[in-house]
Amino acid sequence: MPDFTVIVPARLASTRLPNKPLADIAGLPMVVRVAQRASSSAARRVVVAADDPRIVDACRAHQVEAILTRADHVSGSDRLAEACTILALEDDAIVVNVQGDEPLIDPALIDAVAALLAERTDASMSTAAHVIDTLADYLNPNVVKAVLDAQGNALYFSRAPIPWWRDGAQGTMTAALPSEGALRHIGIYGYRVRFLRSFPMLPPAPIESTEALEQLRALWHGHQIAVFMSHDAPGPGIDTPEGLARVRAVFAST
C-alpha cells in the first residue's frame, strides 16, 4: 500500500439534519464513528477537518485527531486544501477524502482508492463506482451516475440516467437499465496534495453548476479522474433523519 492520509471534512451546519457530525450513533458522535472506521484502513493518519470547535472537542474526547479549519469554506475540497496546509503535507502526498456522514464505509474501499491513485501517475484524482442494479437507482437524480473510458478514467458524472439505452427505452421518456450496465458514483476521492491545493483556485465550470457536482470542475479543466470499480455497493450514508435511523438500526443489530 502507498503511504496516505485520510481527511474527514466535517461541517456542523446541515439543512436536512442539524448538527449532523455530532449525531449520536450507538453512544458515539457520527464523525467519530467515521474516523474509527477509516482507522481500520491502511492510512498512516486519520484526521477530522472541522469547521466548529465542538466537533474538534468531540473528536479529541474519543482520541480522534482533529483540526479546526475556517467556517466559510464553500466546499469540502476547500476545507481539505486548508487541512493539507495545516498538516504540512508534501505536494506528492496522497490524501483520501472520506465523507463525514459515511460511518459504514468499507476500509478496503479507502485503500483501493489510495492505491489506484498511486498507480495512476497520469491522474490528478481517484474515486470509485459500482454497477447499478435497479431501475429506480438509475432514474434517481440523487444517485450520481458515472461513465468511464477504456482506461477506467471518468468521462462524465451526471444526475441524469446515463448512458441512455436508446434501444431499450419504451417510448420517449421511459428508460431501461442499459444492457452493458450503468455505474453509480461512490463519493470518496483520492487526491495528490499538489492538485488539491490548486483545485479551489480553478474557476467553477458551467457543468459543475448545472449538475451541482464539484468533481466536474476537474474534468472541465482537463484533469484525469481514475475510477476504481467496486464489486459492492457502499454502506448507506446519512443525509436525513430517516437515514440516521437506518444506520442506528445497523449498529444496534451488531
C-alpha atoms as a PDB file:
ATOM      1  CA  MET A   1       0.000   0.000   0.000  1.00  0.00           C
ATOM      2  CA  PRO A   2       1.151   3.556  -0.644  1.00  0.00           C
ATOM      3  CA  ASP A   3       1.563   5.962   2.231  1.00  0.00           C
ATOM      4  CA  PHE A   4      -1.568   8.091   2.517  1.00  0.00           C
ATOM      5  CA  THR A   5      -3.612  10.223   4.894  1.00  0.00           C
ATOM      6  CA  VAL A   6      -7.379  10.165   5.361  1.00  0.00           C
ATOM      7  CA  ILE A   7      -9.026  13.532   5.965  1.00  0.00           C
ATOM      8  CA  VAL A   8     -12.670  13.647   7.045  1.00  0.00           C
ATOM      9  CA  PRO A   9     -14.237  17.078   6.397  1.00  0.00           C
ATOM     10  CA  ALA A  10     -16.954  17.841   8.939  1.00  0.00           C
ATOM     11  CA  ARG A  11     -19.320  20.801   8.802  1.00  0.00           C
ATOM     12  CA  LEU A  12     -21.738  21.430  11.653  1.00  0.00           C
ATOM     13  CA  ALA A  13     -24.378  23.213   9.569  1.00  0.00           C
ATOM     14  CA  SER A  14     -26.758  20.920   7.689  1.00  0.00           C
ATOM     15  CA  THR A  15     -30.128  21.944   6.316  1.00  0.00           C
ATOM     16  CA  ARG A  16     -31.646  18.464   6.429  1.00  0.00           C
ATOM     17  CA  LEU A  17     -30.001  17.167   9.603  1.00  0.00           C
ATOM     18  CA  PRO A  18     -28.828  19.860  12.066  1.00  0.00           C
ATOM     19  CA  ASN A  19     -25.537  19.199  13.889  1.00  0.00           C
ATOM     20  CA  LYS A  20     -25.066  16.090  11.764  1.00  0.00           C
ATOM     21  CA  PRO A  21     -21.400  15.334  12.667  1.00  0.00           C
ATOM     22  CA  LEU A  22     -22.357  15.143  16.351  1.00  0.00           C
ATOM     23  CA  ALA A  23     -25.433  12.944  15.885  1.00  0.00           C
ATOM     24  CA  ASP A  24     -25.302  10.013  18.291  1.00  0.00           C
ATOM     25  CA  ILE A  25     -24.746   6.561  16.791  1.00  0.00           C
ATOM     26  CA  ALA A  26     -24.632   3.826  19.433  1.00  0.00           C
ATOM     27  CA  GLY A  27     -23.084   6.138  22.005  1.00  0.00           C
ATOM     28  CA  LEU A  28     -20.548   7.941  19.796  1.00  0.00           C
ATOM     29  CA  PRO A  29     -20.771  11.028  17.572  1.00  0.00           C
ATOM     30  CA  MET A  30     -21.173  10.220  13.883  1.00  0.00           C
ATOM     31  CA  VAL A  31     -17.871  11.848  12.909  1.00  0.00           C
ATOM     32  CA  VAL A  32     -16.054   9.725  15.489  1.00  0.00           C
ATOM     33  CA  ARG A  33     -17.659   6.593  14.031  1.00  0.00           C
ATOM     34  CA  VAL A  34     -16.441   7.616  10.580  1.00  0.00           C
ATOM     35  CA  ALA A  35     -12.894   8.270  11.793  1.00  0.00           C
ATOM     36  CA  GLN A  36     -12.781   4.970  13.672  1.00  0.00           C
ATOM     37  CA  ARG A  37     -13.916   3.141  10.548  1.00  0.00           C
ATOM     38  CA  ALA A  38     -11.295   4.906   8.450  1.00  0.00           C
ATOM     39  CA  SER A  39      -8.656   3.948  11.008  1.00  0.00           C
ATOM     40  CA  SER A  40      -9.200   0.315  10.019  1.00  0.00           C
ATOM     41  CA  SER A  41      -7.794   1.161   6.580  1.00  0.00           C
ATOM     42  CA  ALA A  42      -4.066   1.235   5.815  1.00  0.00           C
ATOM     43  CA  ALA A  43      -3.936   5.024   6.227  1.00  0.00           C
ATOM     44  CA  ARG A  44      -0.910   6.342   8.081  1.00  0.00           C
ATOM     45  CA  ARG A  45      -3.074   9.003   9.685  1.00  0.00           C
ATOM     46  CA  VAL A  46      -6.775   9.855  10.001  1.00  0.00           C
ATOM     47  CA  VAL A  47      -7.662  13.492  10.692  1.00  0.00           C
ATOM     48  CA  VAL A  48     -11.031  15.216  11.012  1.00  0.00           C
ATOM     49  CA  ALA A  49     -11.060  18.721   9.471  1.00  0.00           C
ATOM     50  CA  ALA A  50     -13.846  20.547  11.302  1.00  0.00           C
ATOM     51  CA  ASP A  51     -15.490  23.948  10.953  1.00  0.00           C
ATOM     52  CA  ASP A  52     -16.547  24.230  14.604  1.00  0.00           C
ATOM     53  CA  PRO A  53     -14.683  23.766  17.926  1.00  0.00           C
ATOM     54  CA  ARG A  54     -17.469  21.489  19.181  1.00  0.00           C
ATOM     55  CA  ILE A  55     -16.575  18.908  16.545  1.00  0.00           C
ATOM     56  CA  VAL A  56     -12.889  19.146  17.441  1.00  0.00           C
ATOM     57  CA  ASP A  57     -13.692  18.703  21.140  1.00  0.00           C
ATOM     58  CA  ALA A  58     -15.923  15.679  20.463  1.00  0.00           C
ATOM     59  CA  CYS A  59     -13.210  14.022  18.382  1.00  0.00           C
ATOM     60  CA  ARG A  60     -10.434  14.634  20.877  1.00  0.00           C
ATOM     61  CA  ALA A  61     -12.622  13.307  23.687  1.00  0.00           C
ATOM     62  CA  HIS A  62     -12.534   9.981  21.849  1.00  0.00           C
ATOM     63  CA  GLN A  63      -8.847  10.055  20.858  1.00  0.00           C
ATOM     64  CA  VAL A  64      -9.545  11.074  17.257  1.00  0.00           C
ATOM     65  CA  GLU A  65      -7.153  13.604  15.737  1.00  0.00           C
ATOM     66  CA  ALA A  66      -8.972  16.765  14.652  1.00  0.00           C
ATOM     67  CA  ILE A  67      -8.070  20.222  13.424  1.00  0.00           C
ATOM     68  CA  LEU A  68     -10.110  23.412  13.182  1.00  0.00           C
ATOM     69  CA  THR A  69     -10.485  24.932   9.723  1.00  0.00           C
ATOM     70  CA  ARG A  70     -12.267  28.055   8.559  1.00  0.00           C
ATOM     71  CA  ALA A  71     -16.049  28.109   8.772  1.00  0.00           C
ATOM     72  CA  ASP A  72     -16.581  29.914   5.464  1.00  0.00           C
ATOM     73  CA  HIS A  73     -15.374  27.235   3.035  1.00  0.00           C
ATOM     74  CA  VAL A  74     -17.818  26.710   0.183  1.00  0.00           C
ATOM     75  CA  SER A  75     -16.910  23.054  -0.382  1.00  0.00           C
ATOM     76  CA  GLY A  76     -15.295  20.034   1.188  1.00  0.00           C
ATOM     77  CA  SER A  77     -12.305  20.247  -1.165  1.00  0.00           C
ATOM     78  CA  ASP A  78     -11.600  23.807   0.028  1.00  0.00           C
ATOM     79  CA  ARG A  79     -11.597  22.510   3.590  1.00  0.00           C
ATOM     80  CA  LEU A  80      -9.268  19.662   2.621  1.00  0.00           C
ATOM     81  CA  ALA A  81      -6.872  22.086   0.940  1.00  0.00           C
ATOM     82  CA  GLU A  82      -6.616  24.139   4.126  1.00  0.00           C
ATOM     83  CA  ALA A  83      -6.168  20.950   6.169  1.00  0.00           C
ATOM     84  CA  CYS A  84      -3.237  19.910   3.969  1.00  0.00           C
ATOM     85  CA  THR A  85      -1.554  23.234   4.727  1.00  0.00           C
ATOM     86  CA  ILE A  86      -2.206  22.940   8.465  1.00  0.00           C
ATOM     87  CA  LEU A  87      -0.833  19.386   8.455  1.00  0.00           C
ATOM     88  CA  ALA A  88       2.186  20.436   6.324  1.00  0.00           C
ATOM     89  CA  LEU A  89       1.661  17.597   3.867  1.00  0.00           C
ATOM     90  CA  GLU A  90       4.083  17.311   0.944  1.00  0.00           C
ATOM     91  CA  ASP A  91       2.901  18.102  -2.586  1.00  0.00           C
ATOM     92  CA  ASP A  92       3.334  14.483  -3.691  1.00  0.00           C
ATOM     93  CA  ALA A  93       1.445  13.060  -0.702  1.00  0.00           C
ATOM     94  CA  ILE A  94      -1.848  11.242  -1.264  1.00  0.00           C
ATOM     95  CA  VAL A  95      -4.956  12.250   0.665  1.00  0.00           C
ATOM     96  CA  VAL A  96      -8.228  10.324   0.685  1.00  0.00           C
ATOM     97  CA  ASN A  97     -11.372  12.323   1.389  1.00  0.00           C
ATOM     98  CA  VAL A  98     -13.802  10.202   3.398  1.00  0.00           C
ATOM     99  CA  GLN A  99     -17.173  11.896   3.797  1.00  0.00           C
ATOM    100  CA  GLY A 100     -18.150  12.672   7.372  1.00  0.00           C
ATOM    101  CA  ASP A 101     -21.555  11.012   7.014  1.00  0.00           C
ATOM    102  CA  GLU A 102     -20.297   7.544   5.988  1.00  0.00           C
ATOM    103  CA  PRO A 103     -19.932   5.585   9.267  1.00  0.00           C
ATOM    104  CA  LEU A 104     -20.308   2.276   7.392  1.00  0.00           C
ATOM    105  CA  ILE A 105     -17.680   2.905   4.715  1.00  0.00           C
ATOM    106  CA  ASP A 106     -15.583  -0.144   3.841  1.00  0.00           C
ATOM    107  CA  PRO A 107     -11.924   0.386   4.878  1.00  0.00           C
ATOM    108  CA  ALA A 108     -10.865  -1.751   1.902  1.00  0.00           C
ATOM    109  CA  LEU A 109     -12.503   0.791  -0.411  1.00  0.00           C
ATOM    110  CA  ILE A 110     -10.406   3.555   1.139  1.00  0.00           C
ATOM    111  CA  ASP A 111      -7.266   1.503   0.484  1.00  0.00           C
ATOM    112  CA  ALA A 112      -8.319   0.782  -3.106  1.00  0.00           C
ATOM    113  CA  VAL A 113      -8.873   4.454  -3.935  1.00  0.00           C
ATOM    114  CA  ALA A 114      -5.462   5.381  -2.497  1.00  0.00           C
ATOM    115  CA  ALA A 115      -3.697   2.518  -4.285  1.00  0.00           C
ATOM    116  CA  LEU A 116      -5.297   3.392  -7.628  1.00  0.00           C
ATOM    117  CA  LEU A 117      -4.103   6.993  -7.461  1.00  0.00           C
ATOM    118  CA  ALA A 118      -0.587   5.876  -6.537  1.00  0.00           C
ATOM    119  CA  GLU A 119      -0.588   3.544  -9.550  1.00  0.00           C
ATOM    120  CA  ARG A 120      -2.108   6.051 -11.966  1.00  0.00           C
ATOM    121  CA  THR A 121       0.515   8.780 -12.098  1.00  0.00           C
ATOM    122  CA  ASP A 122      -1.344  10.443 -15.002  1.00  0.00           C
ATOM    123  CA  ALA A 123      -4.432  11.087 -12.837  1.00  0.00           C
ATOM    124  CA  SER A 124      -4.962  14.039 -10.521  1.00  0.00           C
ATOM    125  CA  MET A 125      -7.741  12.314  -8.594  1.00  0.00           C
ATOM    126  CA  SER A 126      -9.241   8.900  -7.962  1.00  0.00           C
ATOM    127  CA  THR A 127     -12.720   7.823  -6.940  1.00  0.00           C
ATOM    128  CA  ALA A 128     -14.958   4.735  -7.115  1.00  0.00           C
ATOM    129  CA  ALA A 129     -18.091   3.363  -8.752  1.00  0.00           C
ATOM    130  CA  HIS A 130     -20.171   0.195  -8.852  1.00  0.00           C
ATOM    131  CA  VAL A 131     -22.814  -1.273 -11.149  1.00  0.00           C
ATOM    132  CA  ILE A 132     -26.380  -0.047 -10.686  1.00  0.00           C
ATOM    133  CA  ASP A 133     -28.785  -2.974 -10.435  1.00  0.00           C
ATOM    134  CA  THR A 134     -32.182  -1.294 -10.139  1.00  0.00           C
ATOM    135  CA  LEU A 135     -34.091   0.968 -12.482  1.00  0.00           C
ATOM    136  CA  ALA A 136     -35.121   3.123  -9.532  1.00  0.00           C
ATOM    137  CA  ASP A 137     -31.495   3.971  -8.733  1.00  0.00           C
ATOM    138  CA  TYR A 138     -30.766   4.590 -12.399  1.00  0.00           C
ATOM    139  CA  LEU A 139     -33.584   7.150 -12.583  1.00  0.00           C
ATOM    140  CA  ASN A 140     -32.937   8.727  -9.164  1.00  0.00           C
ATOM    141  CA  PRO A 141     -31.232  12.153  -9.519  1.00  0.00           C
ATOM    142  CA  ASN A 142     -29.754  11.720  -6.041  1.00  0.00           C
ATOM    143  CA  VAL A 143     -27.824   8.698  -7.323  1.00  0.00           C
ATOM    144  CA  VAL A 144     -24.935  10.134  -9.324  1.00  0.00           C
ATOM    145  CA  LYS A 145     -24.013   8.181 -12.435  1.00  0.00           C
ATOM    146  CA  ALA A 146     -20.513   7.825 -13.923  1.00  0.00           C
ATOM    147  CA  VAL A 147     -19.390   6.991 -17.453  1.00  0.00           C
ATOM    148  CA  LEU A 148     -15.818   5.735 -17.992  1.00  0.00           C
ATOM    149  CA  ASP A 149     -13.395   5.425 -20.876  1.00  0.00           C
ATOM    150  CA  ALA A 150     -11.428   2.312 -21.856  1.00  0.00           C
ATOM    151  CA  GLN A 151      -8.648   3.139 -19.358  1.00  0.00           C
ATOM    152  CA  GLY A 152     -11.039   3.468 -16.419  1.00  0.00           C
ATOM    153  CA  ASN A 153     -10.998   7.263 -16.380  1.00  0.00           C
ATOM    154  CA  ALA A 154     -14.169   9.248 -15.784  1.00  0.00           C
ATOM    155  CA  LEU A 155     -15.684  10.738 -18.921  1.00  0.00           C
ATOM    156  CA  TYR A 156     -18.601  12.372 -17.127  1.00  0.00           C
ATOM    157  CA  PHE A 157     -20.689  12.336 -13.974  1.00  0.00           C
ATOM    158  CA  SER A 158     -24.393  13.170 -14.005  1.00  0.00           C
ATOM    159  CA  ARG A 159     -27.577  13.056 -12.015  1.00  0.00           C
ATOM    160  CA  ALA A 160     -29.325  12.075 -15.228  1.00  0.00           C
ATOM    161  CA  PRO A 161     -29.726   8.396 -16.253  1.00  0.00           C
ATOM    162  CA  ILE A 162     -26.613   7.904 -18.374  1.00  0.00           C
ATOM    163  CA  PRO A 163     -25.697   6.190 -20.573  1.00  0.00           C
ATOM    164  CA  TRP A 164     -29.185   6.287 -22.078  1.00  0.00           C
ATOM    165  CA  TRP A 165     -30.067   2.928 -23.641  1.00  0.00           C
ATOM    166  CA  ARG A 166     -31.819   4.098 -26.790  1.00  0.00           C
ATOM    167  CA  ASP A 167     -32.963   0.662 -27.950  1.00  0.00           C
ATOM    168  CA  GLY A 168     -34.158  -0.335 -24.507  1.00  0.00           C
ATOM    169  CA  ALA A 169     -36.306   2.724 -23.919  1.00  0.00           C
ATOM    170  CA  GLN A 170     -40.044   2.225 -24.213  1.00  0.00           C
ATOM    171  CA  GLY A 171     -41.422   5.432 -25.645  1.00  0.00           C
ATOM    172  CA  THR A 172     -39.803   8.814 -25.454  1.00  0.00           C
ATOM    173  CA  MET A 173     -39.127   9.197 -21.718  1.00  0.00           C
ATOM    174  CA  THR A 174     -39.314   5.682 -20.250  1.00  0.00           C
ATOM    175  CA  ALA A 175     -35.857   4.304 -19.559  1.00  0.00           C
ATOM    176  CA  ALA A 176     -34.479   0.804 -19.166  1.00  0.00           C
ATOM    177  CA  LEU A 177     -31.245  -0.169 -17.460  1.00  0.00           C
ATOM    178  CA  PRO A 178     -28.517  -0.214 -20.129  1.00  0.00           C
ATOM    179  CA  SER A 179     -27.679  -3.713 -21.340  1.00  0.00           C
ATOM    180  CA  GLU A 180     -23.987  -3.055 -20.637  1.00  0.00           C
ATOM    181  CA  GLY A 181     -24.743  -1.663 -17.184  1.00  0.00           C
ATOM    182  CA  ALA A 182     -24.807   1.801 -15.685  1.00  0.00           C
ATOM    183  CA  LEU A 183     -22.457   2.898 -12.902  1.00  0.00           C
ATOM    184  CA  ARG A 184     -23.193   4.615  -9.626  1.00  0.00           C
ATOM    185  CA  HIS A 185     -20.533   7.019  -8.431  1.00  0.00           C
ATOM    186  CA  ILE A 186     -19.354   6.421  -4.868  1.00  0.00           C
ATOM    187  CA  GLY A 187     -18.497   9.705  -3.140  1.00  0.00           C
ATOM    188  CA  ILE A 188     -14.946   9.010  -1.998  1.00  0.00           C
ATOM    189  CA  TYR A 189     -11.938  10.798  -3.502  1.00  0.00           C
ATOM    190  CA  GLY A 190      -8.189  10.406  -3.588  1.00  0.00           C
ATOM    191  CA  TYR A 191      -6.082  13.492  -4.333  1.00  0.00           C
ATOM    192  CA  ARG A 192      -2.469  14.397  -4.754  1.00  0.00           C
ATOM    193  CA  VAL A 193      -1.874  17.298  -2.408  1.00  0.00           C
ATOM    194  CA  ARG A 194      -0.394  19.454  -5.176  1.00  0.00           C
ATOM    195  CA  PHE A 195      -3.640  19.218  -7.138  1.00  0.00           C
ATOM    196  CA  LEU A 196      -5.821  19.591  -4.064  1.00  0.00           C
ATOM    197  CA  ARG A 197      -4.147  22.887  -3.172  1.00  0.00           C
ATOM    198  CA  SER A 198      -4.751  24.230  -6.674  1.00  0.00           C
ATOM    199  CA  PHE A 199      -8.310  22.948  -7.074  1.00  0.00           C
ATOM    200  CA  PRO A 200     -10.123  25.732  -5.139  1.00  0.00           C
ATOM    201  CA  MET A 201      -8.450  28.289  -7.416  1.00  0.00           C
ATOM    202  CA  LEU A 202      -9.833  26.721 -10.600  1.00  0.00           C
ATOM    203  CA  PRO A 203     -12.818  28.652 -11.936  1.00  0.00           C
ATOM    204  CA  PRO A 204     -16.099  26.757 -11.391  1.00  0.00           C
ATOM    205  CA  ALA A 205     -17.331  25.028 -14.542  1.00  0.00           C
ATOM    206  CA  PRO A 206     -20.779  25.571 -16.085  1.00  0.00           C
ATOM    207  CA  ILE A 207     -21.454  21.819 -15.971  1.00  0.00           C
ATOM    208  CA  GLU A 208     -20.487  21.783 -12.289  1.00  0.00           C
ATOM    209  CA  SER A 209     -23.049  24.478 -11.517  1.00  0.00           C
ATOM    210  CA  THR A 210     -25.752  22.794 -13.591  1.00  0.00           C
ATOM    211  CA  GLU A 211     -25.322  19.316 -12.089  1.00  0.00           C
ATOM    212  CA  ALA A 212     -24.226  20.521  -8.626  1.00  0.00           C
ATOM    213  CA  LEU A 213     -21.302  18.076  -8.837  1.00  0.00           C
ATOM    214  CA  GLU A 214     -17.954  19.532  -7.827  1.00  0.00           C
ATOM    215  CA  GLN A 215     -15.863  16.773  -9.452  1.00  0.00           C
ATOM    216  CA  LEU A 216     -16.968  18.024 -12.864  1.00  0.00           C
ATOM    217  CA  ARG A 217     -14.704  21.046 -12.363  1.00  0.00           C
ATOM    218  CA  ALA A 218     -11.677  18.762 -12.560  1.00  0.00           C
ATOM    219  CA  LEU A 219     -12.890  17.193 -15.816  1.00  0.00           C
ATOM    220  CA  TRP A 220     -13.792  20.583 -17.281  1.00  0.00           C
ATOM    221  CA  HIS A 221     -10.217  21.776 -16.739  1.00  0.00           C
ATOM    222  CA  GLY A 222      -8.699  18.666 -18.313  1.00  0.00           C
ATOM    223  CA  HIS A 223      -7.719  16.629 -15.263  1.00  0.00           C
ATOM    224  CA  GLN A 224      -7.965  12.836 -15.246  1.00  0.00           C
ATOM    225  CA  ILE A 225     -10.051  11.095 -12.573  1.00  0.00           C
ATOM    226  CA  ALA A 226      -9.212   7.386 -12.254  1.00  0.00           C
ATOM    227  CA  VAL A 227     -12.162   5.260 -11.130  1.00  0.00           C
ATOM    228  CA  PHE A 228     -11.924   2.092  -9.036  1.00  0.00           C
ATOM    229  CA  MET A 229     -14.638  -0.423  -9.881  1.00  0.00           C
ATOM    230  CA  SER A 230     -16.081  -1.818  -6.669  1.00  0.00           C
ATOM    231  CA  HIS A 231     -17.964  -5.113  -6.613  1.00  0.00           C
ATOM    232  CA  ASP A 232     -20.030  -3.924  -3.654  1.00  0.00           C
ATOM    233  CA  ALA A 233     -22.438  -1.074  -3.104  1.00  0.00           C
ATOM    234  CA  PRO A 234     -21.347   1.386  -0.400  1.00  0.00           C
ATOM    235  CA  GLY A 235     -22.915   1.371   3.023  1.00  0.00           C
ATOM    236  CA  PRO A 236     -25.722   3.906   3.450  1.00  0.00           C
ATOM    237  CA  GLY A 237     -24.695   7.489   4.067  1.00  0.00           C
ATOM    238  CA  ILE A 238     -26.648   9.845   6.298  1.00  0.00           C
ATOM    239  CA  ASP A 239     -28.350  12.921   4.868  1.00  0.00           C
ATOM    240  CA  THR A 240     -31.719  12.889   6.639  1.00  0.00           C
ATOM    241  CA  PRO A 241     -33.255  11.848   9.969  1.00  0.00           C
ATOM    242  CA  GLU A 242     -34.565   8.741   8.191  1.00  0.00           C
ATOM    243  CA  GLY A 243     -31.054   7.856   7.035  1.00  0.00           C
ATOM    244  CA  LEU A 244     -29.733   8.338  10.549  1.00  0.00           C
ATOM    245  CA  ALA A 245     -32.404   5.974  11.884  1.00  0.00           C
ATOM    246  CA  ARG A 246     -31.403   3.298   9.350  1.00  0.00           C
ATOM    247  CA  VAL A 247     -27.743   3.481  10.296  1.00  0.00           C
ATOM    248  CA  ARG A 248     -28.556   3.464  14.010  1.00  0.00           C
ATOM    249  CA  ALA A 249     -30.527   0.273  13.412  1.00  0.00           C
ATOM    250  CA  VAL A 250     -27.492  -1.307  11.728  1.00  0.00           C
ATOM    251  CA  PHE A 251     -25.291  -0.531  14.723  1.00  0.00           C
ATOM    252  CA  ALA A 252     -27.965  -1.722  17.134  1.00  0.00           C
ATOM    253  CA  SER A 253     -28.096  -5.085  15.390  1.00  0.00           C
ATOM    254  CA  THR A 254     -24.337  -5.747  15.592  1.00  0.00           C
END
